[in-house]
Amino acid sequence: LDTDVYPISEEERPGTAEYAGGKEPEEDNSTEDAIIL
C-alpha cells in the first residue's frame, strides 16, 4: 500500500466506515482512565 491516490469515481470516494476499512479495534471511544498491561 502506498500514499499515491489512484483514480476513484465519486461513488467510491471515502466517507463510509466500510470503505475506510471499518472501525479499528481500538477506536471504541473508551473511557478507561488507566492502562492495564
Full PDB file with SEQRES, HELIX, SHEET, SSBOND, CRYST1, ORIGX, SCALE, CONECT and MASTER records, all heavy atoms in Angstrom:
SEQRES   1 A   37  LEU ASP THR ASP VAL TYR PRO ILE SER GLU GLU GLU ARG          
SEQRES   2 A   37  PRO GLY THR ALA GLU TYR ALA GLY GLY LYS GLU PRO GLU          
SEQRES   3 A   37  GLU ASP ASN SER THR GLU ASP ALA ILE ILE LEU                  
HELIX    1 AA1 GLU A   10  GLU A   12  5                                   3    
CRYST1    1.000    1.000    1.000  90.00  90.00  90.00 P 1           1          
ORIGX1      1.000000  0.000000  0.000000        0.00000                         
ORIGX2      0.000000  1.000000  0.000000        0.00000                         
ORIGX3      0.000000  0.000000  1.000000        0.00000                         
SCALE1      1.000000  0.000000  0.000000        0.00000                         
SCALE2      0.000000  1.000000  0.000000        0.00000                         
SCALE3      0.000000  0.000000  1.000000        0.00000                         
ATOM      1  N   LEU A   1       0.856  -1.179   0.000  1.00  0.00           N  
ATOM      2  CA  LEU A   1       0.000   0.000   0.000  1.00  0.00           C  
ATOM      3  C   LEU A   1       0.893   1.230   0.000  1.00  0.00           C  
ATOM      4  O   LEU A   1       1.911   1.258   0.691  1.00  0.00           O  
ATOM      5  CB  LEU A   1      -0.897   0.007   1.232  1.00  0.00           C  
ATOM      6  CG  LEU A   1      -1.997  -1.063   1.266  1.00  0.00           C  
ATOM      7  CD1 LEU A   1      -2.572  -1.189   2.663  1.00  0.00           C  
ATOM      8  CD2 LEU A   1      -3.093  -0.742   0.270  1.00  0.00           C  
ATOM      9  N   ASP A   2       0.522   2.235  -0.777  1.00  0.00           N  
ATOM     10  CA  ASP A   2       1.347   3.438  -0.833  1.00  0.00           C  
ATOM     11  C   ASP A   2       0.479   4.671  -0.673  1.00  0.00           C  
ATOM     12  O   ASP A   2      -0.740   4.589  -0.548  1.00  0.00           O  
ATOM     13  CB  ASP A   2       2.171   3.494  -2.127  1.00  0.00           C  
ATOM     14  CG  ASP A   2       1.297   3.369  -3.368  1.00  0.00           C  
ATOM     15  OD1 ASP A   2       0.182   3.936  -3.361  1.00  0.00           O  
ATOM     16  OD2 ASP A   2       1.710   2.722  -4.333  1.00  0.00           O  
ATOM     17  N   THR A   3       1.108   5.822  -0.668  1.00  0.00           N  
ATOM     18  CA  THR A   3       0.403   7.077  -0.416  1.00  0.00           C  
ATOM     19  C   THR A   3      -0.119   7.722  -1.695  1.00  0.00           C  
ATOM     20  O   THR A   3      -0.717   8.797  -1.635  1.00  0.00           O  
ATOM     21  CB  THR A   3       1.322   8.078   0.305  1.00  0.00           C  
ATOM     22  OG1 THR A   3       2.530   8.248  -0.454  1.00  0.00           O  
ATOM     23  CG2 THR A   3       1.675   7.578   1.696  1.00  0.00           C  
ATOM     24  N   ASP A   4       0.093   7.090  -2.851  1.00  0.00           N  
ATOM     25  CA  ASP A   4      -0.443   7.627  -4.103  1.00  0.00           C  
ATOM     26  C   ASP A   4      -1.964   7.484  -4.136  1.00  0.00           C  
ATOM     27  O   ASP A   4      -2.509   6.457  -3.723  1.00  0.00           O  
ATOM     28  CB  ASP A   4       0.153   6.892  -5.308  1.00  0.00           C  
ATOM     29  CG  ASP A   4       1.619   7.224  -5.516  1.00  0.00           C  
ATOM     30  OD1 ASP A   4       1.974   8.405  -5.349  1.00  0.00           O  
ATOM     31  OD2 ASP A   4       2.399   6.315  -5.833  1.00  0.00           O  
ATOM     32  N   VAL A   5      -2.639   8.497  -4.662  1.00  0.00           N  
ATOM     33  CA  VAL A   5      -4.087   8.432  -4.849  1.00  0.00           C  
ATOM     34  C   VAL A   5      -4.353   8.063  -6.298  1.00  0.00           C  
ATOM     35  O   VAL A   5      -3.950   8.765  -7.214  1.00  0.00           O  
ATOM     36  CB  VAL A   5      -4.755   9.780  -4.504  1.00  0.00           C  
ATOM     37  CG1 VAL A   5      -6.250   9.728  -4.768  1.00  0.00           C  
ATOM     38  CG2 VAL A   5      -4.492  10.140  -3.059  1.00  0.00           C  
ATOM     39  N   TYR A   6      -5.038   6.941  -6.500  1.00  0.00           N  
ATOM     40  CA  TYR A   6      -5.351   6.463  -7.833  1.00  0.00           C  
ATOM     41  C   TYR A   6      -6.754   6.913  -8.228  1.00  0.00           C  
ATOM     42  O   TYR A   6      -7.576   7.220  -7.360  1.00  0.00           O  
ATOM     43  CB  TYR A   6      -5.230   4.942  -7.885  1.00  0.00           C  
ATOM     44  CG  TYR A   6      -3.842   4.468  -7.564  1.00  0.00           C  
ATOM     45  CD1 TYR A   6      -3.436   4.286  -6.248  1.00  0.00           C  
ATOM     46  CD2 TYR A   6      -2.914   4.264  -8.574  1.00  0.00           C  
ATOM     47  CE1 TYR A   6      -2.144   3.890  -5.945  1.00  0.00           C  
ATOM     48  CE2 TYR A   6      -1.626   3.871  -8.283  1.00  0.00           C  
ATOM     49  CZ  TYR A   6      -1.240   3.688  -6.967  1.00  0.00           C  
ATOM     50  OH  TYR A   6       0.037   3.306  -6.681  1.00  0.00           O  
ATOM     51  N   PRO A   7      -7.048   6.984  -9.533  1.00  0.00           N  
ATOM     52  CA  PRO A   7      -8.368   7.455  -9.965  1.00  0.00           C  
ATOM     53  C   PRO A   7      -9.502   6.647  -9.336  1.00  0.00           C  
ATOM     54  O   PRO A   7      -9.563   5.431  -9.466  1.00  0.00           O  
ATOM     55  CB  PRO A   7      -8.325   7.251 -11.486  1.00  0.00           C  
ATOM     56  CG  PRO A   7      -6.873   7.295 -11.838  1.00  0.00           C  
ATOM     57  CD  PRO A   7      -6.176   6.667 -10.672  1.00  0.00           C  
ATOM     58  N   ILE A   8     -10.385   7.346  -8.637  1.00  0.00           N  
ATOM     59  CA  ILE A   8     -11.528   6.711  -7.983  1.00  0.00           C  
ATOM     60  C   ILE A   8     -12.764   7.547  -8.279  1.00  0.00           C  
ATOM     61  O   ILE A   8     -12.739   8.765  -8.133  1.00  0.00           O  
ATOM     62  CB  ILE A   8     -11.316   6.609  -6.460  1.00  0.00           C  
ATOM     63  CG1 ILE A   8     -10.089   5.751  -6.160  1.00  0.00           C  
ATOM     64  CG2 ILE A   8     -12.541   6.035  -5.771  1.00  0.00           C  
ATOM     65  CD1 ILE A   8      -9.765   5.683  -4.685  1.00  0.00           C  
ATOM     66  N   SER A   9     -13.837   6.909  -8.689  1.00  0.00           N  
ATOM     67  CA  SER A   9     -15.062   7.627  -9.011  1.00  0.00           C  
ATOM     68  C   SER A   9     -15.716   8.140  -7.743  1.00  0.00           C  
ATOM     69  O   SER A   9     -15.427   7.681  -6.639  1.00  0.00           O  
ATOM     70  CB  SER A   9     -16.032   6.708  -9.763  1.00  0.00           C  
ATOM     71  OG  SER A   9     -16.505   5.684  -8.909  1.00  0.00           O  
ATOM     72  N   GLU A  10     -16.620   9.096  -7.895  1.00  0.00           N  
ATOM     73  CA  GLU A  10     -17.276   9.699  -6.739  1.00  0.00           C  
ATOM     74  C   GLU A  10     -17.992   8.661  -5.898  1.00  0.00           C  
ATOM     75  O   GLU A  10     -18.071   8.767  -4.682  1.00  0.00           O  
ATOM     76  CB  GLU A  10     -18.268  10.773  -7.215  1.00  0.00           C  
ATOM     77  CG  GLU A  10     -17.611  12.022  -7.783  1.00  0.00           C  
ATOM     78  CD  GLU A  10     -16.813  12.801  -6.764  1.00  0.00           C  
ATOM     79  OE1 GLU A  10     -17.105  12.664  -5.559  1.00  0.00           O  
ATOM     80  OE2 GLU A  10     -15.891  13.537  -7.150  1.00  0.00           O  
ATOM     81  N   GLU A  11     -18.557   7.635  -6.551  1.00  0.00           N  
ATOM     82  CA  GLU A  11     -19.291   6.610  -5.821  1.00  0.00           C  
ATOM     83  C   GLU A  11     -18.400   5.834  -4.873  1.00  0.00           C  
ATOM     84  O   GLU A  11     -18.865   5.235  -3.900  1.00  0.00           O  
ATOM     85  CB  GLU A  11     -19.971   5.645  -6.791  1.00  0.00           C  
ATOM     86  CG  GLU A  11     -21.076   6.257  -7.638  1.00  0.00           C  
ATOM     87  CD  GLU A  11     -20.523   7.078  -8.792  1.00  0.00           C  
ATOM     88  OE1 GLU A  11     -19.344   6.882  -9.145  1.00  0.00           O  
ATOM     89  OE2 GLU A  11     -21.257   7.928  -9.330  1.00  0.00           O  
ATOM     90  N   GLU A  12     -17.090   5.821  -5.145  1.00  0.00           N  
ATOM     91  CA  GLU A  12     -16.170   5.023  -4.347  1.00  0.00           C  
ATOM     92  C   GLU A  12     -15.345   5.865  -3.382  1.00  0.00           C  
ATOM     93  O   GLU A  12     -14.519   5.344  -2.660  1.00  0.00           O  
ATOM     94  CB  GLU A  12     -15.217   4.243  -5.271  1.00  0.00           C  
ATOM     95  CG  GLU A  12     -15.904   3.214  -6.157  1.00  0.00           C  
ATOM     96  CD  GLU A  12     -16.260   1.958  -5.390  1.00  0.00           C  
ATOM     97  OE1 GLU A  12     -15.654   1.723  -4.328  1.00  0.00           O  
ATOM     98  OE2 GLU A  12     -17.137   1.228  -5.846  1.00  0.00           O  
ATOM     99  N   ARG A  13     -15.559   7.167  -3.417  1.00  0.00           N  
ATOM    100  CA  ARG A  13     -14.730   8.005  -2.551  1.00  0.00           C  
ATOM    101  C   ARG A  13     -15.055   7.753  -1.083  1.00  0.00           C  
ATOM    102  O   ARG A  13     -16.171   7.372  -0.742  1.00  0.00           O  
ATOM    103  CB  ARG A  13     -14.912   9.484  -2.901  1.00  0.00           C  
ATOM    104  CG  ARG A  13     -14.323   9.817  -4.267  1.00  0.00           C  
ATOM    105  CD  ARG A  13     -14.249  11.306  -4.506  1.00  0.00           C  
ATOM    106  NE  ARG A  13     -13.791  11.580  -5.863  1.00  0.00           N  
ATOM    107  CZ  ARG A  13     -12.516  11.594  -6.228  1.00  0.00           C  
ATOM    108  NH1 ARG A  13     -11.584  11.335  -5.335  1.00  0.00           N  
ATOM    109  NH2 ARG A  13     -12.172  11.837  -7.460  1.00  0.00           N  
ATOM    110  N   PRO A  14     -14.078   7.991  -0.186  1.00  0.00           N  
ATOM    111  CA  PRO A  14     -14.294   7.670   1.219  1.00  0.00           C  
ATOM    112  C   PRO A  14     -15.387   8.525   1.833  1.00  0.00           C  
ATOM    113  O   PRO A  14     -15.743   9.565   1.327  1.00  0.00           O  
ATOM    114  CB  PRO A  14     -12.933   7.957   1.858  1.00  0.00           C  
ATOM    115  CG  PRO A  14     -12.290   8.926   0.937  1.00  0.00           C  
ATOM    116  CD  PRO A  14     -12.761   8.570  -0.435  1.00  0.00           C  
ATOM    117  N   GLY A  15     -15.853   8.091   2.962  1.00  0.00           N  
ATOM    118  CA  GLY A  15     -16.912   8.789   3.643  1.00  0.00           C  
ATOM    119  C   GLY A  15     -17.771   7.814   4.410  1.00  0.00           C  
ATOM    120  O   GLY A  15     -18.628   8.191   5.193  1.00  0.00           O  
ATOM    121  N   THR A  16     -17.545   6.525   4.177  1.00  0.00           N  
ATOM    122  CA  THR A  16     -18.256   5.490   4.912  1.00  0.00           C  
ATOM    123  C   THR A  16     -17.253   4.648   5.655  1.00  0.00           C  
ATOM    124  O   THR A  16     -16.104   4.507   5.246  1.00  0.00           O  
ATOM    125  CB  THR A  16     -19.057   4.579   3.959  1.00  0.00           C  
ATOM    126  OG1 THR A  16     -18.142   3.875   3.125  1.00  0.00           O  
ATOM    127  CG2 THR A  16     -20.003   5.387   3.093  1.00  0.00           C  
ATOM    128  N   ALA A  17     -17.682   4.071   6.753  1.00  0.00           N  
ATOM    129  CA  ALA A  17     -16.799   3.214   7.545  1.00  0.00           C  
ATOM    130  C   ALA A  17     -16.376   2.005   6.739  1.00  0.00           C  
ATOM    131  O   ALA A  17     -15.267   1.512   6.868  1.00  0.00           O  
ATOM    132  CB  ALA A  17     -17.490   2.782   8.824  1.00  0.00           C  
ATOM    133  N   GLU A  18     -17.286   1.526   5.850  1.00  0.00           N  
ATOM    134  CA  GLU A  18     -16.963   0.321   5.083  1.00  0.00           C  
ATOM    135  C   GLU A  18     -15.772   0.576   4.171  1.00  0.00           C  
ATOM    136  O   GLU A  18     -14.846  -0.216   4.075  1.00  0.00           O  
ATOM    137  CB  GLU A  18     -18.183  -0.105   4.245  1.00  0.00           C  
ATOM    138  CG  GLU A  18     -19.314  -0.684   5.062  1.00  0.00           C  
ATOM    139  CD  GLU A  18     -20.098   0.398   5.793  1.00  0.00           C  
ATOM    140  OE1 GLU A  18     -19.959   1.588   5.431  1.00  0.00           O  
ATOM    141  OE2 GLU A  18     -20.833   0.063   6.734  1.00  0.00           O  
ATOM    142  N   TYR A  19     -15.776   1.724   3.469  1.00  0.00           N  
ATOM    143  CA  TYR A  19     -14.668   1.985   2.555  1.00  0.00           C  
ATOM    144  C   TYR A  19     -13.370   2.192   3.312  1.00  0.00           C  
ATOM    145  O   TYR A  19     -12.311   1.740   2.892  1.00  0.00           O  
ATOM    146  CB  TYR A  19     -14.943   3.218   1.692  1.00  0.00           C  
ATOM    147  CG  TYR A  19     -13.839   3.420   0.689  1.00  0.00           C  
ATOM    148  CD1 TYR A  19     -13.863   2.774  -0.534  1.00  0.00           C  
ATOM    149  CD2 TYR A  19     -12.723   4.198   1.015  1.00  0.00           C  
ATOM    150  CE1 TYR A  19     -12.825   2.921  -1.427  1.00  0.00           C  
ATOM    151  CE2 TYR A  19     -11.686   4.342   0.119  1.00  0.00           C  
ATOM    152  CZ  TYR A  19     -11.745   3.714  -1.091  1.00  0.00           C  
ATOM    153  OH  TYR A  19     -10.705   3.841  -1.976  1.00  0.00           O  
ATOM    154  N   ALA A  20     -13.451   2.869   4.427  1.00  0.00           N  
ATOM    155  CA  ALA A  20     -12.241   3.190   5.190  1.00  0.00           C  
ATOM    156  C   ALA A  20     -11.689   1.987   5.942  1.00  0.00           C  
ATOM    157  O   ALA A  20     -10.670   2.069   6.578  1.00  0.00           O  
ATOM    158  CB  ALA A  20     -12.530   4.316   6.184  1.00  0.00           C  
ATOM    159  N   GLY A  21     -12.360   0.850   5.827  1.00  0.00           N  
ATOM    160  CA  GLY A  21     -11.854  -0.339   6.489  1.00  0.00           C  
ATOM    161  C   GLY A  21     -12.562  -0.618   7.793  1.00  0.00           C  
ATOM    162  O   GLY A  21     -12.147  -1.477   8.558  1.00  0.00           O  
ATOM    163  N   GLY A  22     -13.650   0.121   8.061  1.00  0.00           N  
ATOM    164  CA  GLY A  22     -14.370  -0.112   9.307  1.00  0.00           C  
ATOM    165  C   GLY A  22     -13.637   0.495  10.489  1.00  0.00           C  
ATOM    166  O   GLY A  22     -12.610   1.143  10.363  1.00  0.00           O  
ATOM    167  N   LYS A  23     -14.172   0.308  11.658  1.00  0.00           N  
ATOM    168  CA  LYS A  23     -13.539   0.842  12.866  1.00  0.00           C  
ATOM    169  C   LYS A  23     -12.354  -0.022  13.263  1.00  0.00           C  
ATOM    170  O   LYS A  23     -12.407  -1.241  13.215  1.00  0.00           O  
ATOM    171  CB  LYS A  23     -14.550   0.869  14.011  1.00  0.00           C  
ATOM    172  CG  LYS A  23     -15.663   1.889  13.829  1.00  0.00           C  
ATOM    173  CD  LYS A  23     -16.642   1.815  14.972  1.00  0.00           C  
ATOM    174  CE  LYS A  23     -15.987   2.215  16.269  1.00  0.00           C  
ATOM    175  NZ  LYS A  23     -16.923   2.205  17.403  1.00  0.00           N  
ATOM    176  N   GLU A  24     -11.278   0.644  13.632  1.00  0.00           N  
ATOM    177  CA  GLU A  24     -10.152  -0.094  14.185  1.00  0.00           C  
ATOM    178  C   GLU A  24     -10.595  -0.726  15.509  1.00  0.00           C  
ATOM    179  O   GLU A  24     -11.474  -0.204  16.202  1.00  0.00           O  
ATOM    180  CB  GLU A  24      -8.983   0.861  14.449  1.00  0.00           C  
ATOM    181  CG  GLU A  24      -8.386   1.464  13.192  1.00  0.00           C  
ATOM    182  CD  GLU A  24      -7.466   0.501  12.473  1.00  0.00           C  
ATOM    183  OE1 GLU A  24      -7.365  -0.663  12.909  1.00  0.00           O  
ATOM    184  OE2 GLU A  24      -6.860   0.905  11.483  1.00  0.00           O  
ATOM    185  N   PRO A  25     -10.000  -1.843  15.917  1.00  0.00           N  
ATOM    186  CA  PRO A  25     -10.420  -2.472  17.163  1.00  0.00           C  
ATOM    187  C   PRO A  25     -10.254  -1.569  18.372  1.00  0.00           C  
ATOM    188  O   PRO A  25     -10.964  -1.704  19.343  1.00  0.00           O  
ATOM    189  CB  PRO A  25      -9.513  -3.700  17.250  1.00  0.00           C  
ATOM    190  CG  PRO A  25      -8.389  -3.451  16.301  1.00  0.00           C  
ATOM    191  CD  PRO A  25      -8.962  -2.595  15.222  1.00  0.00           C  
ATOM    192  N   GLU A  26      -9.331  -0.604  18.297  1.00  0.00           N  
ATOM    193  CA  GLU A  26      -9.110   0.234  19.472  1.00  0.00           C  
ATOM    194  C   GLU A  26      -9.921   1.531  19.418  1.00  0.00           C  
ATOM    195  O   GLU A  26      -9.918   2.296  20.359  1.00  0.00           O  
ATOM    196  CB  GLU A  26      -7.616   0.574  19.620  1.00  0.00           C  
ATOM    197  CG  GLU A  26      -7.077   1.543  18.579  1.00  0.00           C  
ATOM    198  CD  GLU A  26      -6.761   0.865  17.265  1.00  0.00           C  
ATOM    199  OE1 GLU A  26      -7.046  -0.325  17.137  1.00  0.00           O  
ATOM    200  OE2 GLU A  26      -6.228   1.535  16.367  1.00  0.00           O  
ATOM    201  N   GLU A  27     -10.598   1.812  18.310  1.00  0.00           N  
ATOM    202  CA  GLU A  27     -11.358   3.044  18.190  1.00  0.00           C  
ATOM    203  C   GLU A  27     -12.768   2.825  18.742  1.00  0.00           C  
ATOM    204  O   GLU A  27     -13.740   2.764  18.008  1.00  0.00           O  
ATOM    205  CB  GLU A  27     -11.391   3.505  16.734  1.00  0.00           C  
ATOM    206  CG  GLU A  27     -10.044   3.982  16.229  1.00  0.00           C  
ATOM    207  CD  GLU A  27     -10.089   4.395  14.772  1.00  0.00           C  
ATOM    208  OE1 GLU A  27     -11.179   4.693  14.260  1.00  0.00           O  
ATOM    209  OE2 GLU A  27      -9.040   4.404  14.132  1.00  0.00           O  
ATOM    210  N   ASP A  28     -12.869   2.689  20.059  1.00  0.00           N  
ATOM    211  CA  ASP A  28     -14.146   2.339  20.667  1.00  0.00           C  
ATOM    212  C   ASP A  28     -14.618   3.402  21.660  1.00  0.00           C  
ATOM    213  O   ASP A  28     -15.459   3.136  22.503  1.00  0.00           O  
ATOM    214  CB  ASP A  28     -14.017   0.983  21.378  1.00  0.00           C  
ATOM    215  CG  ASP A  28     -12.932   0.999  22.447  1.00  0.00           C  
ATOM    216  OD1 ASP A  28     -12.251   2.027  22.597  1.00  0.00           O  
ATOM    217  OD2 ASP A  28     -12.760  -0.032  23.128  1.00  0.00           O  
ATOM    218  N   ASN A  29     -14.029   4.611  21.530  1.00  0.00           N  
ATOM    219  CA  ASN A  29     -14.410   5.692  22.441  1.00  0.00           C  
ATOM    220  C   ASN A  29     -14.288   5.261  23.908  1.00  0.00           C  
ATOM    221  O   ASN A  29     -15.132   5.569  24.749  1.00  0.00           O  
ATOM    222  CB  ASN A  29     -15.837   6.169  22.154  1.00  0.00           C  
ATOM    223  CG  ASN A  29     -15.968   6.719  20.754  1.00  0.00           C  
ATOM    224  OD1 ASN A  29     -15.108   7.454  20.304  1.00  0.00           O  
ATOM    225  ND2 ASN A  29     -17.035   6.354  20.061  1.00  0.00           N  
ATOM    226  N   SER A  30     -13.232   4.531  24.220  1.00  0.00           N  
ATOM    227  CA  SER A  30     -13.036   4.015  25.566  1.00  0.00           C  
ATOM    228  C   SER A  30     -12.948   5.147  26.580  1.00  0.00           C  
ATOM    229  O   SER A  30     -12.371   6.201  26.322  1.00  0.00           O  
ATOM    230  CB  SER A  30     -11.749   3.178  25.626  1.00  0.00           C  
ATOM    231  OG  SER A  30     -11.468   2.788  26.938  1.00  0.00           O  
ATOM    232  N   THR A  31     -13.534   4.923  27.740  1.00  0.00           N  
ATOM    233  CA  THR A  31     -13.469   5.901  28.826  1.00  0.00           C  
ATOM    234  C   THR A  31     -12.497   5.457  29.917  1.00  0.00           C  
ATOM    235  O   THR A  31     -12.527   5.986  31.028  1.00  0.00           O  
ATOM    236  CB  THR A  31     -14.869   6.104  29.434  1.00  0.00           C  
ATOM    237  OG1 THR A  31     -15.358   4.854  29.925  1.00  0.00           O  
ATOM    238  CG2 THR A  31     -15.828   6.673  28.406  1.00  0.00           C  
ATOM    239  N   GLU A  32     -11.659   4.460  29.602  1.00  0.00           N  
ATOM    240  CA  GLU A  32     -10.712   3.961  30.595  1.00  0.00           C  
ATOM    241  C   GLU A  32      -9.756   5.084  31.012  1.00  0.00           C  
ATOM    242  O   GLU A  32      -9.293   5.876  30.187  1.00  0.00           O  
ATOM    243  CB  GLU A  32      -9.911   2.787  30.023  1.00  0.00           C  
ATOM    244  CG  GLU A  32     -10.769   1.590  29.641  1.00  0.00           C  
ATOM    245  CD  GLU A  32     -11.474   0.974  30.828  1.00  0.00           C  
ATOM    246  OE1 GLU A  32     -10.945   1.087  31.940  1.00  0.00           O  
ATOM    247  OE2 GLU A  32     -12.553   0.393  30.638  1.00  0.00           O  
ATOM    248  N   ASP A  33      -9.439   5.142  32.294  1.00  0.00           N  
ATOM    249  CA  ASP A  33      -8.533   6.172  32.800  1.00  0.00           C  
ATOM    250  C   ASP A  33      -7.215   5.590  33.265  1.00  0.00           C  
ATOM    251  O   ASP A  33      -6.458   6.227  34.004  1.00  0.00           O  
ATOM    252  CB  ASP A  33      -9.192   6.960  33.938  1.00  0.00           C  
ATOM    253  CG  ASP A  33      -9.604   6.059  35.099  1.00  0.00           C  
ATOM    254  OD1 ASP A  33      -9.369   4.836  35.007  1.00  0.00           O  
ATOM    255  OD2 ASP A  33     -10.158   6.578  36.083  1.00  0.00           O  
ATOM    256  N   ALA A  34      -6.918   4.362  32.825  1.00  0.00           N  
ATOM    257  CA  ALA A  34      -5.641   3.732  33.172  1.00  0.00           C  
ATOM    258  C   ALA A  34      -5.298   2.685  32.126  1.00  0.00           C  
ATOM    259  O   ALA A  34      -6.177   2.119  31.473  1.00  0.00           O  
ATOM    260  CB  ALA A  34      -5.712   3.094  34.557  1.00  0.00           C  
ATOM    261  N   ILE A  35      -4.009   2.456  31.964  1.00  0.00           N  
ATOM    262  CA  ILE A  35      -3.532   1.398  31.065  1.00  0.00           C  
ATOM    263  C   ILE A  35      -3.245   0.165  31.924  1.00  0.00           C  
ATOM    264  O   ILE A  35      -2.459   0.234  32.874  1.00  0.00           O  
ATOM    265  CB  ILE A  35      -2.264   1.840  30.317  1.00  0.00           C  
ATOM    266  CG1 ILE A  35      -2.594   3.009  29.383  1.00  0.00           C  
ATOM    267  CG2 ILE A  35      -1.668   0.679  29.531  1.00  0.00           C  
ATOM    268  CD1 ILE A  35      -1.385   3.588  28.672  1.00  0.00           C  
ATOM    269  N   ILE A  36      -3.913  -0.927  31.611  1.00  0.00           N  
ATOM    270  CA  ILE A  36      -3.734  -2.173  32.354  1.00  0.00           C  
ATOM    271  C   ILE A  36      -3.044  -3.169  31.430  1.00  0.00           C  
ATOM    272  O   ILE A  36      -3.651  -3.683  30.489  1.00  0.00           O  
ATOM    273  CB  ILE A  36      -5.085  -2.719  32.848  1.00  0.00           C  
ATOM    274  CG1 ILE A  36      -5.785  -1.671  33.717  1.00  0.00           C  
ATOM    275  CG2 ILE A  36      -4.882  -4.020  33.615  1.00  0.00           C  
ATOM    276  CD1 ILE A  36      -7.173  -2.061  34.163  1.00  0.00           C  
ATOM    277  N   LEU A  37      -1.795  -3.424  31.704  1.00  0.00           N  
ATOM    278  CA  LEU A  37      -0.965  -4.201  30.791  1.00  0.00           C  
ATOM    279  C   LEU A  37      -1.014  -5.688  31.086  1.00  0.00           C  
ATOM    280  O   LEU A  37      -1.195  -6.116  32.225  1.00  0.00           O  
ATOM    281  CB  LEU A  37       0.488  -3.725  30.864  1.00  0.00           C  
ATOM    282  CG  LEU A  37       0.734  -2.261  30.455  1.00  0.00           C  
ATOM    283  CD1 LEU A  37       2.181  -1.878  30.736  1.00  0.00           C  
ATOM    284  CD2 LEU A  37       0.394  -2.049  28.988  1.00  0.00           C  
TER     285      LEU A  37                                                      
MASTER        0    0    0    1    0    0    0    6  284    1    0    3          
END                                                                             
